[in-house]
Amino acid sequence: MNKLIFTLAAAAFLAGCTQESQNQFRRGIQNWTGTNGVLEIYAGDKLVKRFMKIDKISTAYGTDDSSPRSYRYGYGVMDENLNAIVDPGEKRVYFEISDFATNYIFFESPR
């Protein structure tokens, strides 16, 4: 009996830790503030869009219910020719990415 209670308590504890870890991870990627972020968007294994010099990505929240929405948004320079350099004429634009439908990698630029 004591072994069963211990096992159930341990399982509940681990499940709680796992959920908290997931929540902390999710909060960490929902909002990012930095100085030189890069967002790359992929179609399968092909890079199709890149935004550079991102200083903030935020999670959208509902106006009426304040619930988090399933997309993030920000501003960055669209790298039109995908050469990883902000060229003359490339403009800063607003973008949105879906949590569910967008294959992307976001990172702080190493340059």
PDB file of N, CA and C in Angstrom:
ATOM      1  N   MET A   1       0.830  -1.201   0.000  1.00  0.00           N
ATOM      2  CA  MET A   1       0.000   0.000   0.000  1.00  0.00           C
ATOM      3  C   MET A   1       0.869   1.258   0.000  1.00  0.00           C
ATOM      4  N   ASN A   2       1.888   1.269   0.892  1.00  0.00           N
ATOM      5  CA  ASN A   2       2.771   2.436   0.936  1.00  0.00           C
ATOM      6  C   ASN A   2       3.509   2.622  -0.388  1.00  0.00           C
ATOM      7  N   LYS A   3       3.872   1.494  -1.023  1.00  0.00           N
ATOM      8  CA  LYS A   3       4.565   1.564  -2.301  1.00  0.00           C
ATOM      9  C   LYS A   3       3.667   2.184  -3.380  1.00  0.00           C
ATOM     10  N   LEU A   4       2.369   1.832  -3.367  1.00  0.00           N
ATOM     11  CA  LEU A   4       1.418   2.384  -4.325  1.00  0.00           C
ATOM     12  C   LEU A   4       1.236   3.880  -4.106  1.00  0.00           C
ATOM     13  N   ILE A   5       1.096   4.296  -2.868  1.00  0.00           N
ATOM     14  CA  ILE A   5       0.934   5.724  -2.553  1.00  0.00           C
ATOM     15  C   ILE A   5       2.176   6.503  -2.984  1.00  0.00           C
ATOM     16  N   PHE A   6       3.350   5.949  -2.691  1.00  0.00           N
ATOM     17  CA  PHE A   6       4.593   6.608  -3.094  1.00  0.00           C
ATOM     18  C   PHE A   6       4.680   6.723  -4.608  1.00  0.00           C
ATOM     19  N   THR A   7       4.331   5.667  -5.309  1.00  0.00           N
ATOM     20  CA  THR A   7       4.386   5.674  -6.769  1.00  0.00           C
ATOM     21  C   THR A   7       3.439   6.716  -7.345  1.00  0.00           C
ATOM     22  N   LEU A   8       2.213   6.775  -6.814  1.00  0.00           N
ATOM     23  CA  LEU A   8       1.246   7.764  -7.288  1.00  0.00           C
ATOM     24  C   LEU A   8       1.711   9.184  -6.977  1.00  0.00           C
ATOM     25  N   ALA A   9       2.256   9.391  -5.792  1.00  0.00           N
ATOM     26  CA  ALA A   9       2.750  10.723  -5.415  1.00  0.00           C
ATOM     27  C   ALA A   9       3.919  11.132  -6.308  1.00  0.00           C
ATOM     28  N   ALA A  10       4.820  10.193  -6.583  1.00  0.00           N
ATOM     29  CA  ALA A  10       5.971  10.488  -7.437  1.00  0.00           C
ATOM     30  C   ALA A  10       5.516  10.809  -8.860  1.00  0.00           C
ATOM     31  N   ALA A  11       4.546  10.044  -9.367  1.00  0.00           N
ATOM     32  CA  ALA A  11       4.034  10.298 -10.716  1.00  0.00           C
ATOM     33  C   ALA A  11       3.383  11.675 -10.799  1.00  0.00           C
ATOM     34  N   ALA A  12       2.606  12.035  -9.784  1.00  0.00           N
ATOM     35  CA  ALA A  12       1.951  13.346  -9.771  1.00  0.00           C
ATOM     36  C   ALA A  12       2.995  14.460  -9.704  1.00  0.00           C
ATOM     37  N   PHE A  13       4.022  14.264  -8.900  1.00  0.00           N
ATOM     38  CA  PHE A  13       5.085  15.260  -8.781  1.00  0.00           C
ATOM     39  C   PHE A  13       5.806  15.452 -10.114  1.00  0.00           C
ATOM     40  N   LEU A  14       6.173  14.345 -10.761  1.00  0.00           N
ATOM     41  CA  LEU A  14       6.871  14.433 -12.039  1.00  0.00           C
ATOM     42  C   LEU A  14       5.998  15.054 -13.120  1.00  0.00           C
ATOM     43  N   ALA A  15       4.725  14.717 -13.131  1.00  0.00           N
ATOM     44  CA  ALA A  15       3.812  15.314 -14.112  1.00  0.00           C
ATOM     45  C   ALA A  15       3.729  16.819 -13.898  1.00  0.00           C
ATOM     46  N   GLY A  16       3.675  17.239 -12.634  1.00  0.00           N
ATOM     47  CA  GLY A  16       3.630  18.671 -12.329  1.00  0.00           C
ATOM     48  C   GLY A  16       4.896  19.380 -12.753  1.00  0.00           C
ATOM     49  N   CYS A  17       6.038  18.750 -12.528  1.00  0.00           N
ATOM     50  CA  CYS A  17       7.306  19.351 -12.940  1.00  0.00           C
ATOM     51  C   CYS A  17       7.385  19.460 -14.456  1.00  0.00           C
ATOM     52  N   THR A  18       6.957  18.423 -15.126  1.00  0.00           N
ATOM     53  CA  THR A  18       6.997  18.443 -16.581  1.00  0.00           C
ATOM     54  C   THR A  18       6.127  19.568 -17.124  1.00  0.00           C
ATOM     55  N   GLN A  19       4.924  19.714 -16.582  1.00  0.00           N
ATOM     56  CA  GLN A  19       4.032  20.773 -17.043  1.00  0.00           C
ATOM     57  C   GLN A  19       4.630  22.139 -16.763  1.00  0.00           C
ATOM     58  N   GLU A  20       5.213  22.325 -15.588  1.00  0.00           N
ATOM     59  CA  GLU A  20       5.815  23.612 -15.254  1.00  0.00           C
ATOM     60  C   GLU A  20       6.989  23.904 -16.174  1.00  0.00           C
ATOM     61  N   SER A  21       7.794  22.879 -16.456  1.00  0.00           N
ATOM     62  CA  SER A  21       8.915  23.068 -17.373  1.00  0.00           C
ATOM     63  C   SER A  21       8.415  23.479 -18.751  1.00  0.00           C
ATOM     64  N   GLN A  22       7.341  22.847 -19.206  1.00  0.00           N
ATOM     65  CA  GLN A  22       6.779  23.199 -20.497  1.00  0.00           C
ATOM     66  C   GLN A  22       6.278  24.637 -20.476  1.00  0.00           C
ATOM     67  N   ASN A  23       5.621  25.032 -19.407  1.00  0.00           N
ATOM     68  CA  ASN A  23       5.109  26.400 -19.313  1.00  0.00           C
ATOM     69  C   ASN A  23       6.241  27.417 -19.301  1.00  0.00           C
ATOM     70  N   GLN A  24       7.319  27.119 -18.569  1.00  0.00           N
ATOM     71  CA  GLN A  24       8.447  28.035 -18.539  1.00  0.00           C
ATOM     72  C   GLN A  24       9.072  28.149 -19.921  1.00  0.00           C
ATOM     73  N   PHE A  25       9.215  27.025 -20.616  1.00  0.00           N
ATOM     74  CA  PHE A  25       9.766  27.051 -21.965  1.00  0.00           C
ATOM     75  C   PHE A  25       8.885  27.881 -22.882  1.00  0.00           C
ATOM     76  N   ARG A  26       7.578  27.663 -22.808  1.00  0.00           N
ATOM     77  CA  ARG A  26       6.640  28.377 -23.669  1.00  0.00           C
ATOM     78  C   ARG A  26       6.688  29.883 -23.394  1.00  0.00           C
ATOM     79  N   ARG A  27       6.719  30.259 -22.114  1.00  0.00           N
ATOM     80  CA  ARG A  27       6.803  31.691 -21.792  1.00  0.00           C
ATOM     81  C   ARG A  27       8.091  32.294 -22.334  1.00  0.00           C
ATOM     82  N   GLY A  28       9.161  31.519 -22.307  1.00  0.00           N
ATOM     83  CA  GLY A  28      10.454  32.021 -22.761  1.00  0.00           C
ATOM     84  C   GLY A  28      10.479  32.352 -24.234  1.00  0.00           C
ATOM     85  N   ILE A  29       9.747  31.606 -25.052  1.00  0.00           N
ATOM     86  CA  ILE A  29       9.788  31.872 -26.482  1.00  0.00           C
ATOM     87  C   ILE A  29       8.638  32.751 -26.950  1.00  0.00           C
ATOM     88  N   GLN A  30       7.675  32.998 -26.104  1.00  0.00           N
ATOM     89  CA  GLN A  30       6.540  33.821 -26.529  1.00  0.00           C
ATOM     90  C   GLN A  30       6.947  35.269 -26.728  1.00  0.00           C
ATOM     91  N   ASN A  31       7.749  35.782 -25.848  1.00  0.00           N
ATOM     92  CA  ASN A  31       8.160  37.180 -25.938  1.00  0.00           C
ATOM     93  C   ASN A  31       9.673  37.232 -25.853  1.00  0.00           C
ATOM     94  N   TRP A  32      10.268  37.881 -26.818  1.00  0.00           N
ATOM     95  CA  TRP A  32      11.719  38.007 -26.845  1.00  0.00           C
ATOM     96  C   TRP A  32      12.059  39.462 -27.077  1.00  0.00           C
ATOM     97  N   THR A  33      12.969  39.975 -26.277  1.00  0.00           N
ATOM     98  CA  THR A  33      13.473  41.325 -26.469  1.00  0.00           C
ATOM     99  C   THR A  33      14.983  41.225 -26.518  1.00  0.00           C
ATOM    100  N   GLY A  34      15.563  41.730 -27.569  1.00  0.00           N
ATOM    101  CA  GLY A  34      17.010  41.661 -27.746  1.00  0.00           C
ATOM    102  C   GLY A  34      17.457  42.802 -28.620  1.00  0.00           C
ATOM    103  N   THR A  35      18.505  42.570 -29.368  1.00  0.00           N
ATOM    104  CA  THR A  35      19.021  43.648 -30.199  1.00  0.00           C
ATOM    105  C   THR A  35      19.152  43.283 -31.673  1.00  0.00           C
ATOM    106  N   ASN A  36      19.303  42.002 -31.984  1.00  0.00           N
ATOM    107  CA  ASN A  36      19.596  41.662 -33.375  1.00  0.00           C
ATOM    108  C   ASN A  36      19.088  40.258 -33.694  1.00  0.00           C
ATOM    109  N   GLY A  37      17.792  40.050 -33.557  1.00  0.00           N
ATOM    110  CA  GLY A  37      17.219  38.743 -33.820  1.00  0.00           C
ATOM    111  C   GLY A  37      17.053  38.471 -35.308  1.00  0.00           C
ATOM    112  N   VAL A  38      17.058  37.184 -35.635  1.00  0.00           N
ATOM    113  CA  VAL A  38      16.855  36.736 -37.014  1.00  0.00           C
ATOM    114  C   VAL A  38      15.764  35.678 -36.995  1.00  0.00           C
ATOM    115  N   LEU A  39      14.805  35.812 -37.901  1.00  0.00           N
ATOM    116  CA  LEU A  39      13.723  34.840 -38.040  1.00  0.00           C
ATOM    117  C   LEU A  39      13.799  34.266 -39.441  1.00  0.00           C
ATOM    118  N   GLU A  40      13.956  32.937 -39.527  1.00  0.00           N
ATOM    119  CA  GLU A  40      13.982  32.263 -40.816  1.00  0.00           C
ATOM    120  C   GLU A  40      12.753  31.381 -40.925  1.00  0.00           C
ATOM    121  N   ILE A  41      12.070  31.452 -42.062  1.00  0.00           N
ATOM    122  CA  ILE A  41      10.848  30.682 -42.299  1.00  0.00           C
ATOM    123  C   ILE A  41      11.124  29.680 -43.413  1.00  0.00           C
ATOM    124  N   TYR A  42      10.686  28.448 -43.172  1.00  0.00           N
ATOM    125  CA  TYR A  42      10.975  27.354 -44.089  1.00  0.00           C
ATOM    126  C   TYR A  42       9.700  26.745 -44.665  1.00  0.00           C
ATOM    127  N   ALA A  43       9.809  26.298 -45.916  1.00  0.00           N
ATOM    128  CA  ALA A  43       8.798  25.455 -46.551  1.00  0.00           C
ATOM    129  C   ALA A  43       9.498  24.114 -46.739  1.00  0.00           C
ATOM    130  N   GLY A  44       9.199  23.164 -45.877  1.00  0.00           N
ATOM    131  CA  GLY A  44       9.953  21.912 -45.859  1.00  0.00           C
ATOM    132  C   GLY A  44      11.363  22.209 -45.402  1.00  0.00           C
ATOM    133  N   ASP A  45      12.357  21.852 -46.216  1.00  0.00           N
ATOM    134  CA  ASP A  45      13.741  22.132 -45.851  1.00  0.00           C
ATOM    135  C   ASP A  45      14.306  23.354 -46.587  1.00  0.00           C
ATOM    136  N   LYS A  46      13.448  24.089 -47.283  1.00  0.00           N
ATOM    137  CA  LYS A  46      13.898  25.251 -48.060  1.00  0.00           C
ATOM    138  C   LYS A  46      13.596  26.562 -47.330  1.00  0.00           C
ATOM    139  N   LEU A  47      14.619  27.398 -47.190  1.00  0.00           N
ATOM    140  CA  LEU A  47      14.455  28.732 -46.626  1.00  0.00           C
ATOM    141  C   LEU A  47      13.690  29.600 -47.614  1.00  0.00           C
ATOM    142  N   VAL A  48      12.560  30.173 -47.185  1.00  0.00           N
ATOM    143  CA  VAL A  48      11.737  30.969 -48.100  1.00  0.00           C
ATOM    144  C   VAL A  48      11.617  32.439 -47.691  1.00  0.00           C
ATOM    145  N   LYS A  49      11.906  32.757 -46.436  1.00  0.00           N
ATOM    146  CA  LYS A  49      11.773  34.145 -45.978  1.00  0.00           C
ATOM    147  C   LYS A  49      12.715  34.331 -44.788  1.00  0.00           C
ATOM    148  N   ARG A  50      13.320  35.521 -44.711  1.00  0.00           N
ATOM    149  CA  ARG A  50      14.177  35.844 -43.563  1.00  0.00           C
ATOM    150  C   ARG A  50      13.913  37.291 -43.154  1.00  0.00           C
ATOM    151  N   PHE A  51      13.770  37.489 -41.853  1.00  0.00           N
ATOM    152  CA  PHE A  51      13.654  38.828 -41.279  1.00  0.00           C
ATOM    153  C   PHE A  51      14.845  39.023 -40.356  1.00  0.00           C
ATOM    154  N   MET A  52      15.467  40.197 -40.434  1.00  0.00           N
ATOM    155  CA  MET A  52      16.668  40.486 -39.657  1.00  0.00           C
ATOM    156  C   MET A  52      16.473  41.752 -38.832  1.00  0.00           C
ATOM    157  N   LYS A  53      17.399  41.958 -37.900  1.00  0.00           N
ATOM    158  CA  LYS A  53      17.396  43.132 -37.016  1.00  0.00           C
ATOM    159  C   LYS A  53      16.086  43.244 -36.242  1.00  0.00           C
ATOM    160  N   ILE A  54      15.622  42.118 -35.745  1.00  0.00           N
ATOM    161  CA  ILE A  54      14.404  42.090 -34.937  1.00  0.00           C
ATOM    162  C   ILE A  54      14.791  42.460 -33.511  1.00  0.00           C
ATOM    163  N   ASP A  55      14.085  43.422 -32.938  1.00  0.00           N
ATOM    164  CA  ASP A  55      14.385  43.800 -31.560  1.00  0.00           C
ATOM    165  C   ASP A  55      13.343  43.272 -30.581  1.00  0.00           C
ATOM    166  N   LYS A  56      12.220  42.745 -31.107  1.00  0.00           N
ATOM    167  CA  LYS A  56      11.190  42.245 -30.209  1.00  0.00           C
ATOM    168  C   LYS A  56      10.222  41.348 -30.974  1.00  0.00           C
ATOM    169  N   ILE A  57       9.899  40.195 -30.390  1.00  0.00           N
ATOM    170  CA  ILE A  57       8.805  39.354 -30.870  1.00  0.00           C
ATOM    171  C   ILE A  57       7.860  39.186 -29.696  1.00  0.00           C
ATOM    172  N   SER A  58       6.581  39.421 -29.933  1.00  0.00           N
ATOM    173  CA  SER A  58       5.581  39.360 -28.870  1.00  0.00           C
ATOM    174  C   SER A  58       4.470  38.379 -29.219  1.00  0.00           C
ATOM    175  N   THR A  59       3.846  37.852 -28.191  1.00  0.00           N
ATOM    176  CA  THR A  59       2.657  37.028 -28.364  1.00  0.00           C
ATOM    177  C   THR A  59       1.447  37.941 -28.434  1.00  0.00           C
ATOM    178  N   ALA A  60       0.558  37.659 -29.371  1.00  0.00           N
ATOM    179  CA  ALA A  60      -0.674  38.440 -29.486  1.00  0.00           C
ATOM    180  C   ALA A  60      -1.647  38.024 -28.387  1.00  0.00           C
ATOM    181  N   TYR A  61      -2.384  38.980 -27.862  1.00  0.00           N
ATOM    182  CA  TYR A  61      -3.405  38.731 -26.843  1.00  0.00           C
ATOM    183  C   TYR A  61      -4.737  39.293 -27.314  1.00  0.00           C
ATOM    184  N   GLY A  62      -5.814  38.626 -26.936  1.00  0.00           N
ATOM    185  CA  GLY A  62      -7.148  39.062 -27.315  1.00  0.00           C
ATOM    186  C   GLY A  62      -7.524  40.385 -26.681  1.00  0.00           C
ATOM    187  N   THR A  63      -8.265  41.192 -27.392  1.00  0.00           N
ATOM    188  CA  THR A  63      -8.701  42.489 -26.893  1.00  0.00           C
ATOM    189  C   THR A  63      -9.737  42.333 -25.783  1.00  0.00           C
ATOM    190  N   ASP A  64     -10.696  41.446 -25.985  1.00  0.00           N
ATOM    191  CA  ASP A  64     -11.786  41.300 -25.019  1.00  0.00           C
ATOM    192  C   ASP A  64     -11.463  40.339 -23.879  1.00  0.00           C
ATOM    193  N   ASP A  65     -10.746  39.251 -24.169  1.00  0.00           N
ATOM    194  CA  ASP A  65     -10.536  38.240 -23.128  1.00  0.00           C
ATOM    195  C   ASP A  65      -9.096  38.160 -22.623  1.00  0.00           C
ATOM    196  N   SER A  66      -8.178  38.902 -23.195  1.00  0.00           N
ATOM    197  CA  SER A  66      -6.762  38.928 -22.799  1.00  0.00           C
ATOM    198  C   SER A  66      -6.093  37.560 -22.855  1.00  0.00           C
ATOM    199  N   SER A  67      -6.666  36.626 -23.593  1.00  0.00           N
ATOM    200  CA  SER A  67      -6.070  35.300 -23.740  1.00  0.00           C
ATOM    201  C   SER A  67      -5.000  35.341 -24.823  1.00  0.00           C
ATOM    202  N   PRO A  68      -3.914  34.568 -24.631  1.00  0.00           N
ATOM    203  CA  PRO A  68      -2.888  34.542 -25.666  1.00  0.00           C
ATOM    204  C   PRO A  68      -3.408  33.918 -26.957  1.00  0.00           C
ATOM    205  N   ARG A  69      -3.059  34.502 -28.071  1.00  0.00           N
ATOM    206  CA  ARG A  69      -3.458  33.990 -29.385  1.00  0.00           C
ATOM    207  C   ARG A  69      -2.374  33.064 -29.914  1.00  0.00           C
ATOM    208  N   SER A  70      -2.676  32.355 -30.972  1.00  0.00           N
ATOM    209  CA  SER A  70      -1.755  31.339 -31.484  1.00  0.00           C
ATOM    210  C   SER A  70      -0.797  31.902 -32.533  1.00  0.00           C
ATOM    211  N   TYR A  71      -0.432  33.157 -32.385  1.00  0.00           N
ATOM    212  CA  TYR A  71       0.581  33.708 -33.281  1.00  0.00           C
ATOM    213  C   TYR A  71       1.426  34.741 -32.549  1.00  0.00           C
ATOM    214  N   ARG A  72       2.599  34.992 -33.124  1.00  0.00           N
ATOM    215  CA  ARG A  72       3.510  36.002 -32.607  1.00  0.00           C
ATOM    216  C   ARG A  72       3.693  37.064 -33.686  1.00  0.00           C
ATOM    217  N   TYR A  73       4.140  38.248 -33.270  1.00  0.00           N
ATOM    218  CA  TYR A  73       4.322  39.335 -34.227  1.00  0.00           C
ATOM    219  C   TYR A  73       5.541  40.165 -33.856  1.00  0.00           C
ATOM    220  N   GLY A  74       6.015  40.907 -34.828  1.00  0.00           N
ATOM    221  CA  GLY A  74       7.149  41.781 -34.592  1.00  0.00           C
ATOM    222  C   GLY A  74       7.462  42.595 -35.828  1.00  0.00           C
ATOM    223  N   TYR A  75       8.588  43.277 -35.788  1.00  0.00           N
ATOM    224  CA  TYR A  75       9.077  44.071 -36.902  1.00  0.00           C
ATOM    225  C   TYR A  75      10.519  43.670 -37.187  1.00  0.00           C
ATOM    226  N   GLY A  76      10.855  43.588 -38.456  1.00  0.00           N
ATOM    227  CA  GLY A  76      12.221  43.276 -38.843  1.00  0.00           C
ATOM    228  C   GLY A  76      12.454  43.668 -40.285  1.00  0.00           C
ATOM    229  N   VAL A  77      13.707  43.697 -40.680  1.00  0.00           N
ATOM    230  CA  VAL A  77      14.060  44.009 -42.057  1.00  0.00           C
ATOM    231  C   VAL A  77      13.932  42.720 -42.868  1.00  0.00           C
ATOM    232  N   MET A  78      13.104  42.761 -43.924  1.00  0.00           N
ATOM    233  CA  MET A  78      12.927  41.582 -44.759  1.00  0.00           C
ATOM    234  C   MET A  78      14.134  41.445 -45.698  1.00  0.00           C
ATOM    235  N   ASP A  79      14.842  40.338 -45.561  1.00  0.00           N
ATOM    236  CA  ASP A  79      16.009  40.044 -46.387  1.00  0.00           C
ATOM    237  C   ASP A  79      15.509  39.468 -47.709  1.00  0.00           C
ATOM    238  N   GLU A  80      15.199  40.344 -48.647  1.00  0.00           N
ATOM    239  CA  GLU A  80      14.533  39.947 -49.890  1.00  0.00           C
ATOM    240  C   GLU A  80      15.339  38.967 -50.733  1.00  0.00           C
ATOM    241  N   ASN A  81      16.661  39.110 -50.751  1.00  0.00           N
ATOM    242  CA  ASN A  81      17.478  38.222 -51.577  1.00  0.00           C
ATOM    243  C   ASN A  81      18.120  37.078 -50.771  1.00  0.00           C
ATOM    244  N   LEU A  82      17.760  36.962 -49.509  1.00  0.00           N
ATOM    245  CA  LEU A  82      18.219  35.873 -48.619  1.00  0.00           C
ATOM    246  C   LEU A  82      19.739  35.745 -48.554  1.00  0.00           C
ATOM    247  N   ASN A  83      20.437  36.885 -48.563  1.00  0.00           N
ATOM    248  CA  ASN A  83      21.895  36.840 -48.475  1.00  0.00           C
ATOM    249  C   ASN A  83      22.421  37.096 -47.059  1.00  0.00           C
ATOM    250  N   ALA A  84      21.518  37.217 -46.087  1.00  0.00           N
ATOM    251  CA  ALA A  84      21.861  37.418 -44.667  1.00  0.00           C
ATOM    252  C   ALA A  84      22.556  38.749 -44.409  1.00  0.00           C
ATOM    253  N   ILE A  85      22.339  39.707 -45.297  1.00  0.00           N
ATOM    254  CA  ILE A  85      22.874  41.057 -45.136  1.00  0.00           C
ATOM    255  C   ILE A  85      21.731  42.034 -45.388  1.00  0.00           C
ATOM    256  N   VAL A  86      21.647  43.069 -44.566  1.00  0.00           N
ATOM    257  CA  VAL A  86      20.645  44.109 -44.815  1.00  0.00           C
ATOM    258  C   VAL A  86      21.201  45.018 -45.909  1.00  0.00           C
ATOM    259  N   ASP A  87      20.622  44.882 -47.094  1.00  0.00           N
ATOM    260  CA  ASP A  87      21.074  45.648 -48.260  1.00  0.00           C
ATOM    261  C   ASP A  87      20.298  46.959 -48.366  1.00  0.00           C
ATOM    262  N   PRO A  88      20.873  47.949 -49.076  1.00  0.00           N
ATOM    263  CA  PRO A  88      20.129  49.187 -49.323  1.00  0.00           C
ATOM    264  C   PRO A  88      18.804  48.866 -50.028  1.00  0.00           C
ATOM    265  N   GLY A  89      17.758  49.497 -49.582  1.00  0.00           N
ATOM    266  CA  GLY A  89      16.441  49.283 -50.175  1.00  0.00           C
ATOM    267  C   GLY A  89      15.601  48.233 -49.461  1.00  0.00           C
ATOM    268  N   GLU A  90      16.213  47.379 -48.654  1.00  0.00           N
ATOM    269  CA  GLU A  90      15.428  46.397 -47.891  1.00  0.00           C
ATOM    270  C   GLU A  90      14.822  47.105 -46.680  1.00  0.00           C
ATOM    271  N   LYS A  91      13.532  46.983 -46.541  1.00  0.00           N
ATOM    272  CA  LYS A  91      12.772  47.778 -45.569  1.00  0.00           C
ATOM    273  C   LYS A  91      12.392  46.983 -44.323  1.00  0.00           C
ATOM    274  N   ARG A  92      12.175  47.734 -43.262  1.00  0.00           N
ATOM    275  CA  ARG A  92      11.655  47.182 -42.011  1.00  0.00           C
ATOM    276  C   ARG A  92      10.153  46.981 -42.192  1.00  0.00           C
ATOM    277  N   VAL A  93       9.671  45.772 -41.874  1.00  0.00           N
ATOM    278  CA  VAL A  93       8.265  45.432 -42.086  1.00  0.00           C
ATOM    279  C   VAL A  93       7.693  44.746 -40.846  1.00  0.00           C
ATOM    280  N   TYR A  94       6.387  44.757 -40.756  1.00  0.00           N
ATOM    281  CA  TYR A  94       5.641  44.036 -39.728  1.00  0.00           C
ATOM    282  C   TYR A  94       5.456  42.602 -40.209  1.00  0.00           C
ATOM    283  N   PHE A  95       5.537  41.627 -39.289  1.00  0.00           N
ATOM    284  CA  PHE A  95       5.284  40.235 -39.657  1.00  0.00           C
ATOM    285  C   PHE A  95       4.523  39.531 -38.539  1.00  0.00           C
ATOM    286  N   GLU A  96       3.846  38.462 -38.910  1.00  0.00           N
ATOM    287  CA  GLU A  96       3.172  37.570 -37.963  1.00  0.00           C
ATOM    288  C   GLU A  96       3.558  36.147 -38.320  1.00  0.00           C
ATOM    289  N   ILE A  97       3.745  35.307 -37.300  1.00  0.00           N
ATOM    290  CA  ILE A  97       4.018  33.893 -37.531  1.00  0.00           C
ATOM    291  C   ILE A  97       3.091  33.065 -36.650  1.00  0.00           C
ATOM    292  N   SER A  98       2.586  31.987 -37.211  1.00  0.00           N
ATOM    293  CA  SER A  98       1.667  31.104 -36.500  1.00  0.00           C
ATOM    294  C   SER A  98       2.442  30.128 -35.625  1.00  0.00           C
ATOM    295  N   ASP A  99       1.911  29.837 -34.441  1.00  0.00           N
ATOM    296  CA  ASP A  99       2.504  28.818 -33.585  1.00  0.00           C
ATOM    297  C   ASP A  99       2.358  27.434 -34.187  1.00  0.00           C
ATOM    298  N   PHE A 100       1.334  27.226 -34.982  1.00  0.00           N
ATOM    299  CA  PHE A 100       1.007  25.880 -35.441  1.00  0.00           C
ATOM    300  C   PHE A 100       1.386  25.608 -36.882  1.00  0.00           C
ATOM    301  N   ALA A 101       1.328  26.589 -37.748  1.00  0.00           N
ATOM    302  CA  ALA A 101       1.470  26.336 -39.183  1.00  0.00           C
ATOM    303  C   ALA A 101       2.803  26.812 -39.763  1.00  0.00           C
ATOM    304  N   THR A 102       3.593  27.530 -39.014  1.00  0.00           N
ATOM    305  CA  THR A 102       4.818  28.101 -39.549  1.00  0.00           C
ATOM    306  C   THR A 102       6.029  27.314 -39.074  1.00  0.00           C
ATOM    307  N   ASN A 103       6.825  26.831 -40.023  1.00  0.00           N
ATOM    308  CA  ASN A 103       8.108  26.207 -39.678  1.00  0.00           C
ATOM    309  C   ASN A 103       9.145  27.313 -39.653  1.00  0.00           C
ATOM    310  N   TYR A 104       9.671  27.600 -38.460  1.00  0.00           N
ATOM    311  CA  TYR A 104      10.618  28.704 -38.366  1.00  0.00           C
ATOM    312  C   TYR A 104      11.707  28.416 -37.360  1.00  0.00           C
ATOM    313  N   ILE A 105      12.789  29.148 -37.522  1.00  0.00           N
ATOM    314  CA  ILE A 105      13.883  29.161 -36.555  1.00  0.00           C
ATOM    315  C   ILE A 105      14.109  30.617 -36.205  1.00  0.00           C
ATOM    316  N   PHE A 106      14.179  30.899 -34.922  1.00  0.00           N
ATOM    317  CA  PHE A 106      14.456  32.257 -34.462  1.00  0.00           C
ATOM    318  C   PHE A 106      15.716  32.205 -33.629  1.00  0.00           C
ATOM    319  N   PHE A 107      16.649  33.139 -33.880  1.00  0.00           N
ATOM    320  CA  PHE A 107      17.890  33.152 -33.136  1.00  0.00           C
ATOM    321  C   PHE A 107      18.454  34.562 -33.103  1.00  0.00           C
ATOM    322  N   GLU A 108      19.353  34.795 -32.157  1.00  0.00           N
ATOM    323  CA  GLU A 108      20.032  36.066 -32.099  1.00  0.00           C
ATOM    324  C   GLU A 108      21.204  36.007 -33.062  1.00  0.00           C
ATOM    325  N   SER A 109      21.328  37.010 -33.902  1.00  0.00           N
ATOM    326  CA  SER A 109      22.351  37.005 -34.935  1.00  0.00           C
ATOM    327  C   SER A 109      23.744  36.928 -34.329  1.00  0.00           C
ATOM    328  N   PRO A 110      24.589  36.054 -34.864  1.00  0.00           N
ATOM    329  CA  PRO A 110      25.962  35.968 -34.332  1.00  0.00           C
ATOM    330  C   PRO A 110      26.867  37.096 -34.827  1.00  0.00           C
ATOM    331  N   ARG A 111      26.387  37.895 -35.774  1.00  0.00           N
ATOM    332  CA  ARG A 111      27.220  38.994 -36.314  1.00  0.00           C
ATOM    333  C   ARG A 111      26.868  40.301 -35.679  1.00  0.00           C
TER     334      ARG A 111
END
